Amino acid sequence: MTDKEMVTEETAQKAAADLKAEADGQTADKITNVIEMESVNPTEKDIKKSGYHCEMNGVEVDFELQYRDRETDMKDIAARVTEDYVRRGNAADKIELIHVYLKPTDFTAYYVINNVYEGKIPLF
């Protein structure tokens, strides 16, 4: 048997073993175990750490914005909005609601905090 035939035979044997494992449910069990080990719901500590949390029908949602050759996500924007608000002499613990308006053409994120305080930050 040549080396090429041995490699082909080994590949075929591995493929057959994988199919058998899937048929036995071993692959499904592995996937289920991984999913069960991961935390689906973020803790309060994680939410406060990121400064951003969005949930819809029990599913965490995260948005990323790509414009031209730049990229940012809402967690980063929310953290920078909070930093800007605090830098201007306000208390972070008083924030109850943040509205962010993205305007990629101006490279700016406009925000309104608690329906009262307005500001803007660079988008990227």
PDB file of N, CA and C in Angstrom:
ATOM      1  N   MET A   1       0.857  -1.176   0.000  1.00  0.00           N
ATOM      2  CA  MET A   1       0.000   0.000   0.000  1.00  0.00           C
ATOM      3  C   MET A   1       0.902   1.238   0.000  1.00  0.00           C
ATOM      4  N   THR A   2       0.620   2.208  -0.869  1.00  0.00           N
ATOM      5  CA  THR A   2       1.430   3.423  -0.949  1.00  0.00           C
ATOM      6  C   THR A   2       0.994   4.408   0.127  1.00  0.00           C
ATOM      7  N   ASP A   3       1.855   5.435   0.345  1.00  0.00           N
ATOM      8  CA  ASP A   3       1.541   6.458   1.355  1.00  0.00           C
ATOM      9  C   ASP A   3       0.236   7.163   1.044  1.00  0.00           C
ATOM     10  N   LYS A   4      -0.001   7.454  -0.222  1.00  0.00           N
ATOM     11  CA  LYS A   4      -1.222   8.162  -0.624  1.00  0.00           C
ATOM     12  C   LYS A   4      -2.453   7.318  -0.314  1.00  0.00           C
ATOM     13  N   GLU A   5      -2.374   6.012  -0.576  1.00  0.00           N
ATOM     14  CA  GLU A   5      -3.494   5.127  -0.290  1.00  0.00           C
ATOM     15  C   GLU A   5      -3.733   5.032   1.210  1.00  0.00           C
ATOM     16  N   MET A   6      -2.654   5.039   2.016  1.00  0.00           N
ATOM     17  CA  MET A   6      -2.792   4.965   3.476  1.00  0.00           C
ATOM     18  C   MET A   6      -3.482   6.214   4.024  1.00  0.00           C
ATOM     19  N   VAL A   7      -3.094   7.379   3.505  1.00  0.00           N
ATOM     20  CA  VAL A   7      -3.711   8.630   3.940  1.00  0.00           C
ATOM     21  C   VAL A   7      -5.182   8.640   3.582  1.00  0.00           C
ATOM     22  N   THR A   8      -5.518   8.208   2.373  1.00  0.00           N
ATOM     23  CA  THR A   8      -6.904   8.162   1.921  1.00  0.00           C
ATOM     24  C   THR A   8      -7.708   7.201   2.790  1.00  0.00           C
ATOM     25  N   GLU A   9      -7.129   6.050   3.118  1.00  0.00           N
ATOM     26  CA  GLU A   9      -7.818   5.065   3.939  1.00  0.00           C
ATOM     27  C   GLU A   9      -8.028   5.597   5.356  1.00  0.00           C
ATOM     28  N   GLU A  10      -7.006   6.272   5.923  1.00  0.00           N
ATOM     29  CA  GLU A  10      -7.133   6.849   7.259  1.00  0.00           C
ATOM     30  C   GLU A  10      -8.222   7.922   7.288  1.00  0.00           C
ATOM     31  N   THR A  11      -8.261   8.743   6.250  1.00  0.00           N
ATOM     32  CA  THR A  11      -9.287   9.789   6.157  1.00  0.00           C
ATOM     33  C   THR A  11     -10.670   9.169   6.102  1.00  0.00           C
ATOM     34  N   ALA A  12     -10.824   8.118   5.300  1.00  0.00           N
ATOM     35  CA  ALA A  12     -12.114   7.430   5.185  1.00  0.00           C
ATOM     36  C   ALA A  12     -12.510   6.815   6.521  1.00  0.00           C
ATOM     37  N   GLN A  13     -11.546   6.237   7.242  1.00  0.00           N
ATOM     38  CA  GLN A  13     -11.843   5.631   8.544  1.00  0.00           C
ATOM     39  C   GLN A  13     -12.273   6.690   9.556  1.00  0.00           C
ATOM     40  N   LYS A  14     -11.594   7.848   9.556  1.00  0.00           N
ATOM     41  CA  LYS A  14     -11.965   8.927  10.468  1.00  0.00           C
ATOM     42  C   LYS A  14     -13.360   9.444  10.153  1.00  0.00           C
ATOM     43  N   ALA A  15     -13.668   9.599   8.868  1.00  0.00           N
ATOM     44  CA  ALA A  15     -14.996  10.069   8.461  1.00  0.00           C
ATOM     45  C   ALA A  15     -16.069   9.086   8.902  1.00  0.00           C
ATOM     46  N   ALA A  16     -15.789   7.781   8.733  1.00  0.00           N
ATOM     47  CA  ALA A  16     -16.754   6.754   9.151  1.00  0.00           C
ATOM     48  C   ALA A  16     -16.941   6.789  10.660  1.00  0.00           C
ATOM     49  N   ALA A  17     -15.845   6.985  11.418  1.00  0.00           N
ATOM     50  CA  ALA A  17     -15.937   7.059  12.880  1.00  0.00           C
ATOM     51  C   ALA A  17     -16.748   8.280  13.311  1.00  0.00           C
ATOM     52  N   ASP A  18     -16.546   9.409  12.632  1.00  0.00           N
ATOM     53  CA  ASP A  18     -17.302  10.622  12.948  1.00  0.00           C
ATOM     54  C   ASP A  18     -18.786  10.428  12.688  1.00  0.00           C
ATOM     55  N   LEU A  19     -19.121   9.796  11.562  1.00  0.00           N
ATOM     56  CA  LEU A  19     -20.529   9.536  11.239  1.00  0.00           C
ATOM     57  C   LEU A  19     -21.144   8.621  12.284  1.00  0.00           C
ATOM     58  N   LYS A  20     -20.412   7.593  12.700  1.00  0.00           N
ATOM     59  CA  LYS A  20     -20.917   6.668  13.719  1.00  0.00           C
ATOM     60  C   LYS A  20     -21.128   7.409  15.036  1.00  0.00           C
ATOM     61  N   ALA A  21     -20.188   8.281  15.401  1.00  0.00           N
ATOM     62  CA  ALA A  21     -20.320   9.046  16.641  1.00  0.00           C
ATOM     63  C   ALA A  21     -21.545   9.942  16.585  1.00  0.00           C
ATOM     64  N   GLU A  22     -21.774  10.566  15.435  1.00  0.00           N
ATOM     65  CA  GLU A  22     -22.958  11.414  15.290  1.00  0.00           C
ATOM     66  C   GLU A  22     -24.215  10.580  15.397  1.00  0.00           C
ATOM     67  N   ALA A  23     -24.195   9.400  14.794  1.00  0.00           N
ATOM     68  CA  ALA A  23     -25.361   8.516  14.857  1.00  0.00           C
ATOM     69  C   ALA A  23     -25.610   8.064  16.290  1.00  0.00           C
ATOM     70  N   ASP A  24     -24.558   7.858  17.065  1.00  0.00           N
ATOM     71  CA  ASP A  24     -24.692   7.434  18.457  1.00  0.00           C
ATOM     72  C   ASP A  24     -25.105   8.585  19.363  1.00  0.00           C
ATOM     73  N   GLY A  25     -25.080   9.807  18.856  1.00  0.00           N
ATOM     74  CA  GLY A  25     -25.455  10.972  19.657  1.00  0.00           C
ATOM     75  C   GLY A  25     -24.301  11.567  20.434  1.00  0.00           C
ATOM     76  N   GLN A  26     -23.091  11.086  20.226  1.00  0.00           N
ATOM     77  CA  GLN A  26     -21.949  11.599  20.976  1.00  0.00           C
ATOM     78  C   GLN A  26     -21.678  13.055  20.644  1.00  0.00           C
ATOM     79  N   THR A  27     -21.760  13.416  19.368  1.00  0.00           N
ATOM     80  CA  THR A  27     -21.508  14.801  18.971  1.00  0.00           C
ATOM     81  C   THR A  27     -22.568  15.721  19.569  1.00  0.00           C
ATOM     82  N   ALA A  28     -23.817  15.298  19.513  1.00  0.00           N
ATOM     83  CA  ALA A  28     -24.894  16.098  20.086  1.00  0.00           C
ATOM     84  C   ALA A  28     -24.694  16.271  21.585  1.00  0.00           C
ATOM     85  N   ASP A  29     -24.245  15.202  22.263  1.00  0.00           N
ATOM     86  CA  ASP A  29     -23.994  15.298  23.704  1.00  0.00           C
ATOM     87  C   ASP A  29     -22.892  16.308  23.998  1.00  0.00           C
ATOM     88  N   LYS A  30     -21.839  16.292  23.188  1.00  0.00           N
ATOM     89  CA  LYS A  30     -20.742  17.232  23.393  1.00  0.00           C
ATOM     90  C   LYS A  30     -21.227  18.665  23.228  1.00  0.00           C
ATOM     91  N   ILE A  31     -22.009  18.919  22.181  1.00  0.00           N
ATOM     92  CA  ILE A  31     -22.526  20.262  21.934  1.00  0.00           C
ATOM     93  C   ILE A  31     -23.433  20.691  23.070  1.00  0.00           C
ATOM     94  N   THR A  32     -24.304  19.804  23.523  1.00  0.00           N
ATOM     95  CA  THR A  32     -25.209  20.121  24.623  1.00  0.00           C
ATOM     96  C   THR A  32     -24.426  20.456  25.880  1.00  0.00           C
ATOM     97  N   ASN A  33     -23.379  19.683  26.164  1.00  0.00           N
ATOM     98  CA  ASN A  33     -22.569  19.947  27.349  1.00  0.00           C
ATOM     99  C   ASN A  33     -21.917  21.322  27.274  1.00  0.00           C
ATOM    100  N   VAL A  34     -21.410  21.693  26.117  1.00  0.00           N
ATOM    101  CA  VAL A  34     -20.777  23.001  25.965  1.00  0.00           C
ATOM    102  C   VAL A  34     -21.800  24.104  26.169  1.00  0.00           C
ATOM    103  N   ILE A  35     -22.979  23.953  25.595  1.00  0.00           N
ATOM    104  CA  ILE A  35     -24.022  24.965  25.736  1.00  0.00           C
ATOM    105  C   ILE A  35     -24.454  25.082  27.186  1.00  0.00           C
ATOM    106  N   GLU A  36     -24.585  23.948  27.886  1.00  0.00           N
ATOM    107  CA  GLU A  36     -25.009  23.988  29.284  1.00  0.00           C
ATOM    108  C   GLU A  36     -23.958  24.653  30.165  1.00  0.00           C
ATOM    109  N   MET A  37     -22.680  24.494  29.819  1.00  0.00           N
ATOM    110  CA  MET A  37     -21.622  25.078  30.632  1.00  0.00           C
ATOM    111  C   MET A  37     -21.552  26.587  30.466  1.00  0.00           C
ATOM    112  N   GLU A  38     -21.943  27.123  29.305  1.00  0.00           N
ATOM    113  CA  GLU A  38     -21.881  28.557  29.072  1.00  0.00           C
ATOM    114  C   GLU A  38     -23.074  29.235  29.725  1.00  0.00           C
ATOM    115  N   SER A  39     -22.849  30.402  30.304  1.00  0.00           N
ATOM    116  CA  SER A  39     -23.916  31.168  30.922  1.00  0.00           C
ATOM    117  C   SER A  39     -24.671  31.931  29.847  1.00  0.00           C
ATOM    118  N   VAL A  40     -25.966  31.695  29.759  1.00  0.00           N
ATOM    119  CA  VAL A  40     -26.779  32.367  28.749  1.00  0.00           C
ATOM    120  C   VAL A  40     -27.122  33.779  29.200  1.00  0.00           C
ATOM    121  N   ASN A  41     -27.442  33.936  30.467  1.00  0.00           N
ATOM    122  CA  ASN A  41     -27.827  35.241  30.987  1.00  0.00           C
ATOM    123  C   ASN A  41     -26.635  35.911  31.659  1.00  0.00           C
ATOM    124  N   PRO A  42     -26.284  37.122  31.248  1.00  0.00           N
ATOM    125  CA  PRO A  42     -25.171  37.816  31.890  1.00  0.00           C
ATOM    126  C   PRO A  42     -25.538  38.195  33.321  1.00  0.00           C
ATOM    127  N   THR A  43     -24.557  38.239  34.180  1.00  0.00           N
ATOM    128  CA  THR A  43     -24.795  38.620  35.564  1.00  0.00           C
ATOM    129  C   THR A  43     -24.897  40.134  35.666  1.00  0.00           C
ATOM    130  N   GLU A  44     -25.401  40.601  36.791  1.00  0.00           N
ATOM    131  CA  GLU A  44     -25.495  42.047  37.028  1.00  0.00           C
ATOM    132  C   GLU A  44     -24.113  42.686  36.918  1.00  0.00           C
ATOM    133  N   LYS A  45     -23.097  41.984  37.424  1.00  0.00           N
ATOM    134  CA  LYS A  45     -21.725  42.497  37.386  1.00  0.00           C
ATOM    135  C   LYS A  45     -21.272  42.689  35.943  1.00  0.00           C
ATOM    136  N   ASP A  46     -21.590  41.711  35.057  1.00  0.00           N
ATOM    137  CA  ASP A  46     -21.205  41.823  33.651  1.00  0.00           C
ATOM    138  C   ASP A  46     -21.897  42.999  32.980  1.00  0.00           C
ATOM    139  N   ILE A  47     -23.162  43.220  33.308  1.00  0.00           N
ATOM    140  CA  ILE A  47     -23.914  44.315  32.697  1.00  0.00           C
ATOM    141  C   ILE A  47     -23.314  45.647  33.109  1.00  0.00           C
ATOM    142  N   LYS A  48     -23.026  45.811  34.393  1.00  0.00           N
ATOM    143  CA  LYS A  48     -22.456  47.071  34.861  1.00  0.00           C
ATOM    144  C   LYS A  48     -21.059  47.272  34.301  1.00  0.00           C
ATOM    145  N   LYS A  49     -20.305  46.187  34.138  1.00  0.00           N
ATOM    146  CA  LYS A  49     -18.949  46.273  33.617  1.00  0.00           C
ATOM    147  C   LYS A  49     -18.953  46.786  32.182  1.00  0.00           C
ATOM    148  N   SER A  50     -19.861  46.293  31.355  1.00  0.00           N
ATOM    149  CA  SER A  50     -19.874  46.687  29.954  1.00  0.00           C
ATOM    150  C   SER A  50     -20.521  48.049  29.752  1.00  0.00           C
ATOM    151  N   GLY A  51     -21.420  48.426  30.656  1.00  0.00           N
ATOM    152  CA  GLY A  51     -22.122  49.690  30.500  1.00  0.00           C
ATOM    153  C   GLY A  51     -23.235  49.623  29.469  1.00  0.00           C
ATOM    154  N   TYR A  52     -23.533  48.450  28.972  1.00  0.00           N
ATOM    155  CA  TYR A  52     -24.534  48.296  27.925  1.00  0.00           C
ATOM    156  C   TYR A  52     -25.155  46.919  28.018  1.00  0.00           C
ATOM    157  N   HIS A  53     -26.458  46.854  27.927  1.00  0.00           N
ATOM    158  CA  HIS A  53     -27.139  45.565  27.880  1.00  0.00           C
ATOM    159  C   HIS A  53     -28.438  45.753  27.118  1.00  0.00           C
ATOM    160  N   CYS A  54     -28.658  44.919  26.140  1.00  0.00           N
ATOM    161  CA  CYS A  54     -29.890  44.965  25.368  1.00  0.00           C
ATOM    162  C   CYS A  54     -30.411  43.544  25.257  1.00  0.00           C
ATOM    163  N   GLU A  55     -31.677  43.376  25.554  1.00  0.00           N
ATOM    164  CA  GLU A  55     -32.272  42.052  25.498  1.00  0.00           C
ATOM    165  C   GLU A  55     -33.615  42.150  24.796  1.00  0.00           C
ATOM    166  N   MET A  56     -33.887  41.166  23.939  1.00  0.00           N
ATOM    167  CA  MET A  56     -35.147  41.134  23.225  1.00  0.00           C
ATOM    168  C   MET A  56     -35.683  39.715  23.268  1.00  0.00           C
ATOM    169  N   ASN A  57     -36.831  39.523  23.850  1.00  0.00           N
ATOM    170  CA  ASN A  57     -37.440  38.197  23.983  1.00  0.00           C
ATOM    171  C   ASN A  57     -36.491  37.201  24.625  1.00  0.00           C
ATOM    172  N   GLY A  58     -35.738  37.645  25.631  1.00  0.00           N
ATOM    173  CA  GLY A  58     -34.847  36.766  26.357  1.00  0.00           C
ATOM    174  C   GLY A  58     -33.518  36.498  25.680  1.00  0.00           C
ATOM    175  N   VAL A  59     -33.248  37.159  24.556  1.00  0.00           N
ATOM    176  CA  VAL A  59     -31.999  36.959  23.819  1.00  0.00           C
ATOM    177  C   VAL A  59     -31.176  38.230  23.901  1.00  0.00           C
ATOM    178  N   GLU A  60     -29.906  38.097  24.311  1.00  0.00           N
ATOM    179  CA  GLU A  60     -29.038  39.262  24.363  1.00  0.00           C
ATOM    180  C   GLU A  60     -28.700  39.693  22.940  1.00  0.00           C
ATOM    181  N   VAL A  61     -28.770  40.991  22.695  1.00  0.00           N
ATOM    182  CA  VAL A  61     -28.519  41.546  21.369  1.00  0.00           C
ATOM    183  C   VAL A  61     -27.316  42.477  21.444  1.00  0.00           C
ATOM    184  N   ASP A  62     -26.403  42.350  20.516  1.00  0.00           N
ATOM    185  CA  ASP A  62     -25.235  43.218  20.453  1.00  0.00           C
ATOM    186  C   ASP A  62     -25.106  43.724  19.023  1.00  0.00           C
ATOM    187  N   PHE A  63     -24.952  45.035  18.868  1.00  0.00           N
ATOM    188  CA  PHE A  63     -24.851  45.640  17.550  1.00  0.00           C
ATOM    189  C   PHE A  63     -23.429  46.101  17.288  1.00  0.00           C
ATOM    190  N   GLU A  64     -22.986  45.905  16.062  1.00  0.00           N
ATOM    191  CA  GLU A  64     -21.710  46.437  15.613  1.00  0.00           C
ATOM    192  C   GLU A  64     -21.975  47.295  14.383  1.00  0.00           C
ATOM    193  N   LEU A  65     -21.235  48.379  14.282  1.00  0.00           N
ATOM    194  CA  LEU A  65     -21.380  49.288  13.167  1.00  0.00           C
ATOM    195  C   LEU A  65     -20.079  49.315  12.380  1.00  0.00           C
ATOM    196  N   GLN A  66     -20.190  49.073  11.099  1.00  0.00           N
ATOM    197  CA  GLN A  66     -19.040  49.194  10.212  1.00  0.00           C
ATOM    198  C   GLN A  66     -19.369  50.264   9.183  1.00  0.00           C
ATOM    199  N   TYR A  67     -18.460  51.212   9.047  1.00  0.00           N
ATOM    200  CA  TYR A  67     -18.647  52.280   8.066  1.00  0.00           C
ATOM    201  C   TYR A  67     -17.302  52.575   7.437  1.00  0.00           C
ATOM    202  N   ARG A  68     -17.248  52.422   6.158  1.00  0.00           N
ATOM    203  CA  ARG A  68     -16.004  52.546   5.408  1.00  0.00           C
ATOM    204  C   ARG A  68     -14.970  51.593   5.993  1.00  0.00           C
ATOM    205  N   ASP A  69     -13.855  52.093   6.455  1.00  0.00           N
ATOM    206  CA  ASP A  69     -12.820  51.199   6.987  1.00  0.00           C
ATOM    207  C   ASP A  69     -12.780  51.226   8.517  1.00  0.00           C
ATOM    208  N   ARG A  70     -13.859  51.652   9.150  1.00  0.00           N
ATOM    209  CA  ARG A  70     -13.890  51.762  10.612  1.00  0.00           C
ATOM    210  C   ARG A  70     -14.973  50.864  11.187  1.00  0.00           C
ATOM    211  N   GLU A  71     -14.816  50.554  12.476  1.00  0.00           N
ATOM    212  CA  GLU A  71     -15.748  49.652  13.129  1.00  0.00           C
ATOM    213  C   GLU A  71     -15.851  49.990  14.612  1.00  0.00           C
ATOM    214  N   THR A  72     -17.051  49.863  15.174  1.00  0.00           N
ATOM    215  CA  THR A  72     -17.281  50.052  16.600  1.00  0.00           C
ATOM    216  C   THR A  72     -18.493  49.230  16.994  1.00  0.00           C
ATOM    217  N   ASP A  73     -18.685  49.040  18.269  1.00  0.00           N
ATOM    218  CA  ASP A  73     -19.882  48.331  18.729  1.00  0.00           C
ATOM    219  C   ASP A  73     -20.593  49.169  19.792  1.00  0.00           C
ATOM    220  N   MET A  74     -21.813  48.794  20.105  1.00  0.00           N
ATOM    221  CA  MET A  74     -22.623  49.593  21.015  1.00  0.00           C
ATOM    222  C   MET A  74     -22.091  49.563  22.437  1.00  0.00           C
ATOM    223  N   LYS A  75     -21.423  48.484  22.830  1.00  0.00           N
ATOM    224  CA  LYS A  75     -20.846  48.446  24.177  1.00  0.00           C
ATOM    225  C   LYS A  75     -19.792  49.538  24.326  1.00  0.00           C
ATOM    226  N   ASP A  76     -18.959  49.695  23.308  1.00  0.00           N
ATOM    227  CA  ASP A  76     -17.922  50.727  23.337  1.00  0.00           C
ATOM    228  C   ASP A  76     -18.546  52.122  23.334  1.00  0.00           C
ATOM    229  N   ILE A  77     -19.545  52.316  22.503  1.00  0.00           N
ATOM    230  CA  ILE A  77     -20.209  53.622  22.434  1.00  0.00           C
ATOM    231  C   ILE A  77     -20.877  53.952  23.760  1.00  0.00           C
ATOM    232  N   ALA A  78     -21.570  52.982  24.353  1.00  0.00           N
ATOM    233  CA  ALA A  78     -22.240  53.215  25.636  1.00  0.00           C
ATOM    234  C   ALA A  78     -21.229  53.576  26.726  1.00  0.00           C
ATOM    235  N   ALA A  79     -20.090  52.897  26.734  1.00  0.00           N
ATOM    236  CA  ALA A  79     -19.052  53.200  27.725  1.00  0.00           C
ATOM    237  C   ALA A  79     -18.495  54.600  27.508  1.00  0.00           C
ATOM    238  N   ARG A  80     -18.264  54.985  26.241  1.00  0.00           N
ATOM    239  CA  ARG A  80     -17.718  56.317  25.963  1.00  0.00           C
ATOM    240  C   ARG A  80     -18.736  57.417  26.247  1.00  0.00           C
ATOM    241  N   VAL A  81     -20.031  57.133  26.010  1.00  0.00           N
ATOM    242  CA  VAL A  81     -21.078  58.105  26.339  1.00  0.00           C
ATOM    243  C   VAL A  81     -21.097  58.340  27.851  1.00  0.00           C
ATOM    244  N   THR A  82     -21.036  57.255  28.616  1.00  0.00           N
ATOM    245  CA  THR A  82     -21.027  57.370  30.073  1.00  0.00           C
ATOM    246  C   THR A  82     -19.801  58.138  30.554  1.00  0.00           C
ATOM    247  N   GLU A  83     -18.640  57.843  29.982  1.00  0.00           N
ATOM    248  CA  GLU A  83     -17.413  58.568  30.349  1.00  0.00           C
ATOM    249  C   GLU A  83     -17.546  60.056  30.052  1.00  0.00           C
ATOM    250  N   ASP A  84     -18.107  60.397  28.891  1.00  0.00           N
ATOM    251  CA  ASP A  84     -18.281  61.799  28.517  1.00  0.00           C
ATOM    252  C   ASP A  84     -19.233  62.495  29.481  1.00  0.00           C
ATOM    253  N   TYR A  85     -20.310  61.835  29.835  1.00  0.00           N
ATOM    254  CA  TYR A  85     -21.305  62.374  30.762  1.00  0.00           C
ATOM    255  C   TYR A  85     -20.675  62.645  32.128  1.00  0.00           C
ATOM    256  N   VAL A  86     -19.886  61.711  32.624  1.00  0.00           N
ATOM    257  CA  VAL A  86     -19.232  61.860  33.927  1.00  0.00           C
ATOM    258  C   VAL A  86     -18.150  62.939  33.862  1.00  0.00           C
ATOM    259  N   ARG A  87     -17.392  62.971  32.762  1.00  0.00           N
ATOM    260  CA  ARG A  87     -16.337  63.979  32.598  1.00  0.00           C
ATOM    261  C   ARG A  87     -16.911  65.390  32.630  1.00  0.00           C
ATOM    262  N   ARG A  88     -18.163  65.540  32.259  1.00  0.00           N
ATOM    263  CA  ARG A  88     -18.802  66.854  32.256  1.00  0.00           C
ATOM    264  C   ARG A  88     -19.444  67.196  33.607  1.00  0.00           C
ATOM    265  N   GLY A  89     -19.093  66.409  34.656  1.00  0.00           N
ATOM    266  CA  GLY A  89     -19.531  66.741  36.007  1.00  0.00           C
ATOM    267  C   GLY A  89     -20.808  66.081  36.472  1.00  0.00           C
ATOM    268  N   ASN A  90     -21.272  65.075  35.796  1.00  0.00           N
ATOM    269  CA  ASN A  90     -22.496  64.385  36.184  1.00  0.00           C
ATOM    270  C   ASN A  90     -22.167  63.052  36.861  1.00  0.00           C
ATOM    271  N   ALA A  91     -23.114  62.520  37.607  1.00  0.00           N
ATOM    272  CA  ALA A  91     -22.914  61.253  38.309  1.00  0.00           C
ATOM    273  C   ALA A  91     -23.413  60.086  37.456  1.00  0.00           C
ATOM    274  N   ALA A  92     -22.567  59.085  37.278  1.00  0.00           N
ATOM    275  CA  ALA A  92     -22.909  57.917  36.453  1.00  0.00           C
ATOM    276  C   ALA A  92     -24.060  57.127  37.059  1.00  0.00           C
ATOM    277  N   ASP A  93     -24.178  57.116  38.388  1.00  0.00           N
ATOM    278  CA  ASP A  93     -25.234  56.322  39.017  1.00  0.00           C
ATOM    279  C   ASP A  93     -26.627  56.939  38.846  1.00  0.00           C
ATOM    280  N   LYS A  94     -26.696  58.142  38.325  1.00  0.00           N
ATOM    281  CA  LYS A  94     -27.978  58.807  38.069  1.00  0.00           C
ATOM    282  C   LYS A  94     -28.543  58.463  36.684  1.00  0.00           C
ATOM    283  N   ILE A  95     -27.764  57.762  35.865  1.00  0.00           N
ATOM    284  CA  ILE A  95     -28.222  57.416  34.513  1.00  0.00           C
ATOM    285  C   ILE A  95     -29.270  56.315  34.593  1.00  0.00           C
ATOM    286  N   GLU A  96     -30.434  56.595  34.040  1.00  0.00           N
ATOM    287  CA  GLU A  96     -31.505  55.607  33.969  1.00  0.00           C
ATOM    288  C   GLU A  96     -31.790  55.199  32.523  1.00  0.00           C
ATOM    289  N   LEU A  97     -31.572  56.117  31.594  1.00  0.00           N
ATOM    290  CA  LEU A  97     -31.900  55.849  30.198  1.00  0.00           C
ATOM    291  C   LEU A  97     -30.924  56.595  29.294  1.00  0.00           C
ATOM    292  N   ILE A  98     -30.397  55.896  28.304  1.00  0.00           N
ATOM    293  CA  ILE A  98     -29.507  56.526  27.324  1.00  0.00           C
ATOM    294  C   ILE A  98     -30.079  56.272  25.933  1.00  0.00           C
ATOM    295  N   HIS A  99     -30.322  57.331  25.196  1.00  0.00           N
ATOM    296  CA  HIS A  99     -30.702  57.242  23.789  1.00  0.00           C
ATOM    297  C   HIS A  99     -29.480  57.634  22.973  1.00  0.00           C
ATOM    298  N   VAL A 100     -29.103  56.800  22.004  1.00  0.00           N
ATOM    299  CA  VAL A 100     -27.948  57.098  21.165  1.00  0.00           C
ATOM    300  C   VAL A 100     -28.410  57.166  19.716  1.00  0.00           C
ATOM    301  N   TYR A 101     -28.008  58.212  19.039  1.00  0.00           N
ATOM    302  CA  TYR A 101     -28.318  58.404  17.630  1.00  0.00           C
ATOM    303  C   TYR A 101     -27.004  58.380  16.860  1.00  0.00           C
ATOM    304  N   LEU A 102     -26.856  57.422  15.977  1.00  0.00           N
ATOM    305  CA  LEU A 102     -25.611  57.268  15.227  1.00  0.00           C
ATOM    306  C   LEU A 102     -25.723  57.978  13.892  1.00  0.00           C
ATOM    307  N   LYS A 103     -24.715  58.757  13.558  1.00  0.00           N
ATOM    308  CA  LYS A 103     -24.669  59.434  12.267  1.00  0.00           C
ATOM    309  C   LYS A 103     -23.293  59.166  11.653  1.00  0.00           C
ATOM    310  N   PRO A 104     -23.159  58.002  10.981  1.00  0.00           N
ATOM    311  CA  PRO A 104     -21.846  57.614  10.446  1.00  0.00           C
ATOM    312  C   PRO A 104     -21.273  58.607   9.455  1.00  0.00           C
ATOM    313  N   THR A 105     -22.117  59.291   8.693  1.00  0.00           N
ATOM    314  CA  THR A 105     -21.590  60.233   7.704  1.00  0.00           C
ATOM    315  C   THR A 105     -20.861  61.394   8.358  1.00  0.00           C
ATOM    316  N   ASP A 106     -21.235  61.729   9.599  1.00  0.00           N
ATOM    317  CA  ASP A 106     -20.557  62.785  10.357  1.00  0.00           C
ATOM    318  C   ASP A 106     -19.555  62.209  11.352  1.00  0.00           C
ATOM    319  N   PHE A 107     -19.440  60.879  11.415  1.00  0.00           N
ATOM    320  CA  PHE A 107     -18.563  60.193  12.382  1.00  0.00           C
ATOM    321  C   PHE A 107     -18.895  60.632  13.807  1.00  0.00           C
ATOM    322  N   THR A 108     -20.198  60.766  14.110  1.00  0.00           N
ATOM    323  CA  THR A 108     -20.630  61.272  15.404  1.00  0.00           C
ATOM    324  C   THR A 108     -21.749  60.413  15.975  1.00  0.00           C
ATOM    325  N   ALA A 109     -21.724  60.238  17.293  1.00  0.00           N
ATOM    326  CA  ALA A 109     -22.824  59.606  18.026  1.00  0.00           C
ATOM    327  C   ALA A 109     -23.419  60.673  18.936  1.00  0.00           C
ATOM    328  N   TYR A 110     -24.674  61.004  18.720  1.00  0.00           N
ATOM    329  CA  TYR A 110     -25.377  61.972  19.556  1.00  0.00           C
ATOM    330  C   TYR A 110     -26.123  61.190  20.628  1.00  0.00           C
ATOM    331  N   TYR A 111     -26.180  61.722  21.840  1.00  0.00           N
ATOM    332  CA  TYR A 111     -26.873  60.995  22.897  1.00  0.00           C
ATOM    333  C   TYR A 111     -27.727  61.922  23.745  1.00  0.00           C
ATOM    334  N   VAL A 112     -28.750  61.325  24.344  1.00  0.00           N
ATOM    335  CA  VAL A 112     -29.614  62.009  25.301  1.00  0.00           C
ATOM    336  C   VAL A 112     -29.712  61.086  26.512  1.00  0.00           C
ATOM    337  N   ILE A 113     -29.409  61.620  27.684  1.00  0.00           N
ATOM    338  CA  ILE A 113     -29.453  60.833  28.913  1.00  0.00           C
ATOM    339  C   ILE A 113     -30.634  61.291  29.753  1.00  0.00           C
ATOM    340  N   ASN A 114     -31.440  60.332  30.193  1.00  0.00           N
ATOM    341  CA  ASN A 114     -32.627  60.580  31.027  1.00  0.00           C
ATOM    342  C   ASN A 114     -33.582  61.588  30.396  1.00  0.00           C
ATOM    343  N   ASN A 115     -33.622  61.629  29.090  1.00  0.00           N
ATOM    344  CA  ASN A 115     -34.489  62.536  28.328  1.00  0.00           C
ATOM    345  C   ASN A 115     -34.245  64.005  28.643  1.00  0.00           C
ATOM    346  N   VAL A 116     -33.068  64.332  29.195  1.00  0.00           N
ATOM    347  CA  VAL A 116     -32.777  65.706  29.587  1.00  0.00           C
ATOM    348  C   VAL A 116     -31.436  66.175  29.044  1.00  0.00           C
ATOM    349  N   TYR A 117     -30.381  65.438  29.334  1.00  0.00           N
ATOM    350  CA  TYR A 117     -29.018  65.877  29.031  1.00  0.00           C
ATOM    351  C   TYR A 117     -28.621  65.420  27.628  1.00  0.00           C
ATOM    352  N   GLU A 118     -28.131  66.358  26.808  1.00  0.00           N
ATOM    353  CA  GLU A 118     -27.708  66.043  25.446  1.00  0.00           C
ATOM    354  C   GLU A 118     -26.203  66.192  25.305  1.00  0.00           C
ATOM    355  N   GLY A 119     -25.631  65.372  24.437  1.00  0.00           N
ATOM    356  CA  GLY A 119     -24.210  65.471  24.163  1.00  0.00           C
ATOM    357  C   GLY A 119     -23.863  64.717  22.881  1.00  0.00           C
ATOM    358  N   LYS A 120     -22.580  64.742  22.543  1.00  0.00           N
ATOM    359  CA  LYS A 120     -22.134  64.001  21.377  1.00  0.00           C
ATOM    360  C   LYS A 120     -20.695  63.564  21.593  1.00  0.00           C
ATOM    361  N   ILE A 121     -20.340  62.458  20.929  1.00  0.00           N
ATOM    362  CA  ILE A 121     -18.985  61.922  20.998  1.00  0.00           C
ATOM    363  C   ILE A 121     -18.572  61.498  19.593  1.00  0.00           C
ATOM    364  N   PRO A 122     -17.266  61.382  19.347  1.00  0.00           N
ATOM    365  CA  PRO A 122     -16.831  60.831  18.075  1.00  0.00           C
ATOM    366  C   PRO A 122     -17.284  59.379  17.976  1.00  0.00           C
ATOM    367  N   LEU A 123     -17.762  59.004  16.822  1.00  0.00           N
ATOM    368  CA  LEU A 123     -18.305  57.664  16.638  1.00  0.00           C
ATOM    369  C   LEU A 123     -17.217  56.594  16.664  1.00  0.00           C
ATOM    370  N   PHE A 124     -16.060  56.890  16.109  1.00  0.00           N
ATOM    371  CA  PHE A 124     -14.992  55.881  16.038  1.00  0.00           C
ATOM    372  C   PHE A 124     -13.786  56.319  16.834  1.00  0.00           C
TER     373      PHE A 124
END
